[in-house]
Amino acid sequence: MSLIVRPIISSDYPRVLEIWTPYYRTTTVTFASAEKTAETLPLYVETRRAAGRETFVAERAGEVLGFASYDQFRGGDGYVHAMEHTIILAPEARGRGAGRALMTAIEEHAKAQGAHVMVAGVSAENEAGVAFHAAVGYQTVGRMPQVGRKFDRWLDLVLMQKLL
């Protein structure tokens, strides 16, 4: 069965939450501990859409395997061409092309909207995430020691970017 990448729809929200919630609870992939919910996920998607950005899902055989989204890297008009993304996959989807397909979708969408650069803020503990980004053309441009905190410890952030 082929992989389909498409904009998220409301019926995808429960599956996206099912995939995303364990990342908040058990990993340092995200430094945040406040989970998205059935109430906050629609706002997350619609706020980005209103700004001309999109959230995509990857699905195979009708099952959502992951999602990706992007938004402006930092506030202010000086950063309107710099975007930062989020990409989250179900464990069973890793290494099967969904991540690359989602990344292509958000990069193409962002570029069509006038973005010049895509930024990735990756937990230094997420070695697979750093390797994935490098494999799809992102370069490490900095490391910020101890800028995050989760599970009662300090976490480093690796900044990576790709010119679109």
Protein backbone atom coordinates (compact mmCIF):
# COMPACT_ATOMS: atom_id res chain seq x y z
CA MET A 1 0.00 0.00 0.00
CA SER A 2 1.28 3.41 -0.87
CA LEU A 3 1.93 6.23 1.53
CA ILE A 4 -0.34 9.27 1.30
CA VAL A 5 0.58 12.68 2.70
CA ARG A 6 -2.30 15.14 3.04
CA PRO A 7 -3.48 18.05 5.17
CA ILE A 8 -4.83 17.02 8.54
CA ILE A 9 -8.61 16.85 9.04
CA SER A 10 -10.53 16.80 12.29
CA SER A 11 -11.14 13.05 12.15
CA ASP A 12 -7.33 12.60 12.35
CA TYR A 13 -7.09 14.37 15.71
CA PRO A 14 -7.67 11.34 17.98
CA ARG A 15 -4.94 9.34 16.20
CA VAL A 16 -2.52 12.28 16.22
CA LEU A 17 -3.07 12.66 19.96
CA GLU A 18 -2.55 8.91 20.41
CA ILE A 19 0.81 9.18 18.64
CA TRP A 20 1.91 12.47 20.24
CA THR A 21 0.93 11.95 23.90
CA PRO A 22 3.60 9.33 24.75
CA TYR A 23 6.30 11.72 23.49
CA TYR A 24 5.22 14.24 26.14
CA ARG A 25 4.97 11.67 28.90
CA THR A 26 8.02 9.47 28.37
CA THR A 27 10.62 11.17 26.16
CA THR A 28 12.78 14.25 25.84
CA VAL A 29 11.99 14.50 22.12
CA THR A 30 9.87 17.44 23.23
CA PHE A 31 10.89 19.44 26.27
CA ALA A 32 7.25 20.35 26.90
CA SER A 33 5.22 18.42 29.42
CA ALA A 34 1.86 20.10 28.73
CA GLU A 35 0.18 17.69 26.31
CA LYS A 36 -2.01 18.64 23.41
CA THR A 37 -5.64 17.70 24.04
CA ALA A 38 -8.87 17.29 22.10
CA GLU A 39 -9.50 20.96 22.92
CA THR A 40 -6.04 22.39 22.13
CA LEU A 41 -5.06 20.40 19.03
CA PRO A 42 -7.72 21.99 16.79
CA LEU A 43 -6.56 25.44 17.90
CA TYR A 44 -2.93 24.48 17.15
CA VAL A 45 -3.88 23.44 13.60
CA GLU A 46 -6.26 26.31 12.87
CA THR A 47 -3.91 29.01 14.20
CA ARG A 48 -1.22 27.80 11.84
CA ARG A 49 -3.64 27.55 8.92
CA ALA A 50 -4.82 31.11 9.54
CA ALA A 51 -1.18 32.20 9.18
CA GLY A 52 -0.82 30.31 5.87
CA ARG A 53 0.93 27.26 7.35
CA GLU A 54 -0.25 23.67 7.29
CA THR A 55 -0.21 20.47 9.29
CA PHE A 56 0.13 17.27 7.28
CA VAL A 57 -0.43 13.63 8.15
CA ALA A 58 1.10 10.57 6.55
CA GLU A 59 -1.18 7.57 6.20
CA ARG A 60 -0.94 4.10 4.79
CA ALA A 61 -3.94 1.82 4.36
CA GLY A 62 -6.12 4.41 6.09
CA GLU A 63 -4.01 4.59 9.26
CA VAL A 64 -2.26 7.81 10.26
CA LEU A 65 1.43 7.09 10.90
CA GLY A 66 2.56 10.56 11.92
CA PHE A 67 2.26 14.27 11.31
CA ALA A 68 4.33 17.36 10.62
CA SER A 69 3.63 21.05 10.97
CA TYR A 70 5.51 24.32 10.90
CA ASP A 71 5.24 27.90 12.07
CA GLN A 72 7.36 31.03 12.18
CA PHE A 73 10.69 30.42 13.95
CA ARG A 74 10.54 33.57 16.07
CA GLY A 75 8.06 36.40 16.36
CA GLY A 76 8.43 39.67 14.51
CA ASP A 77 8.57 40.68 10.89
CA GLY A 78 12.31 40.12 10.62
CA TYR A 79 11.70 36.36 10.84
CA VAL A 80 8.79 35.97 8.42
CA HIS A 81 10.93 33.85 6.09
CA ALA A 82 12.27 31.53 8.81
CA MET A 83 10.10 28.60 9.88
CA GLU A 84 10.47 25.89 12.51
CA HIS A 85 8.85 22.50 12.23
CA THR A 86 7.53 19.66 14.33
CA ILE A 87 7.53 16.10 13.04
CA ILE A 88 6.22 13.18 15.09
CA LEU A 89 5.92 9.55 13.99
CA ALA A 90 4.29 6.50 15.49
CA PRO A 91 7.04 4.07 16.57
CA GLU A 92 6.00 1.52 13.93
CA ALA A 93 6.39 4.16 11.18
CA ARG A 94 10.04 4.97 11.83
CA GLY A 95 12.41 4.10 9.02
CA ARG A 96 9.61 3.46 6.51
CA GLY A 97 9.57 6.73 4.54
CA ALA A 98 6.82 8.60 6.38
CA GLY A 99 9.23 11.06 7.97
CA ARG A 100 10.87 11.95 4.67
CA ALA A 101 7.50 12.32 2.96
CA LEU A 102 6.18 14.59 5.71
CA MET A 103 9.35 16.68 5.68
CA THR A 104 9.07 17.12 1.91
CA ALA A 105 5.45 18.22 2.29
CA ILE A 106 6.14 20.91 4.89
CA GLU A 107 9.26 22.16 3.12
CA GLU A 108 7.44 22.49 -0.21
CA HIS A 109 4.45 24.15 1.44
CA ALA A 110 6.64 26.57 3.38
CA LYS A 111 8.70 27.46 0.31
CA ALA A 112 5.53 28.11 -1.69
CA GLN A 113 4.44 30.48 1.09
CA GLY A 114 7.71 32.44 0.86
CA ALA A 115 9.84 30.72 3.50
CA HIS A 116 13.60 30.77 2.94
CA VAL A 117 14.82 28.55 5.77
CA MET A 118 13.44 25.71 7.88
CA VAL A 119 14.76 25.29 11.41
CA ALA A 120 14.82 22.17 13.56
CA GLY A 121 15.25 22.36 17.31
CA VAL A 122 16.19 18.79 18.25
CA SER A 123 16.85 17.42 21.72
CA ALA A 124 20.52 16.44 21.90
CA GLU A 125 19.37 13.18 23.48
CA ASN A 126 17.36 12.40 20.33
CA GLU A 127 20.24 10.97 18.31
CA ALA A 128 17.86 9.43 15.78
CA GLY A 129 16.22 12.84 15.25
CA VAL A 130 19.58 14.53 14.69
CA ALA A 131 20.61 11.77 12.25
CA PHE A 132 17.28 11.98 10.40
CA HIS A 133 17.58 15.72 9.91
CA ALA A 134 21.17 15.39 8.71
CA ALA A 135 20.07 12.70 6.24
CA VAL A 136 17.45 15.04 4.72
CA GLY A 137 19.86 17.93 4.30
CA TYR A 138 19.80 19.83 7.58
CA GLN A 139 23.07 21.20 8.96
CA THR A 140 23.85 21.65 12.63
CA VAL A 141 24.28 25.36 13.25
CA GLY A 142 24.46 25.39 17.04
CA ARG A 143 24.07 23.62 20.33
CA MET A 144 22.46 25.32 23.29
CA PRO A 145 23.50 23.63 26.54
CA GLN A 146 20.94 23.21 29.31
CA VAL A 147 18.18 25.36 27.79
CA GLY A 148 15.45 22.81 28.46
CA ARG A 149 14.33 21.03 31.58
CA LYS A 150 12.29 17.87 31.87
CA PHE A 151 12.26 14.87 34.20
CA ASP A 152 14.24 16.93 36.75
CA ARG A 153 17.28 17.37 34.54
CA TRP A 154 18.74 19.91 32.15
CA LEU A 155 18.61 19.23 28.43
CA ASP A 156 20.65 20.49 25.48
CA LEU A 157 19.09 21.65 22.23
CA VAL A 158 20.69 21.09 18.83
CA LEU A 159 19.73 23.72 16.26
CA MET A 160 19.72 22.55 12.66
CA GLN A 161 18.60 24.34 9.51
CA LYS A 162 18.05 23.88 5.82
CA LEU A 163 17.83 26.58 3.19
CA LEU A 164 14.75 26.04 1.10
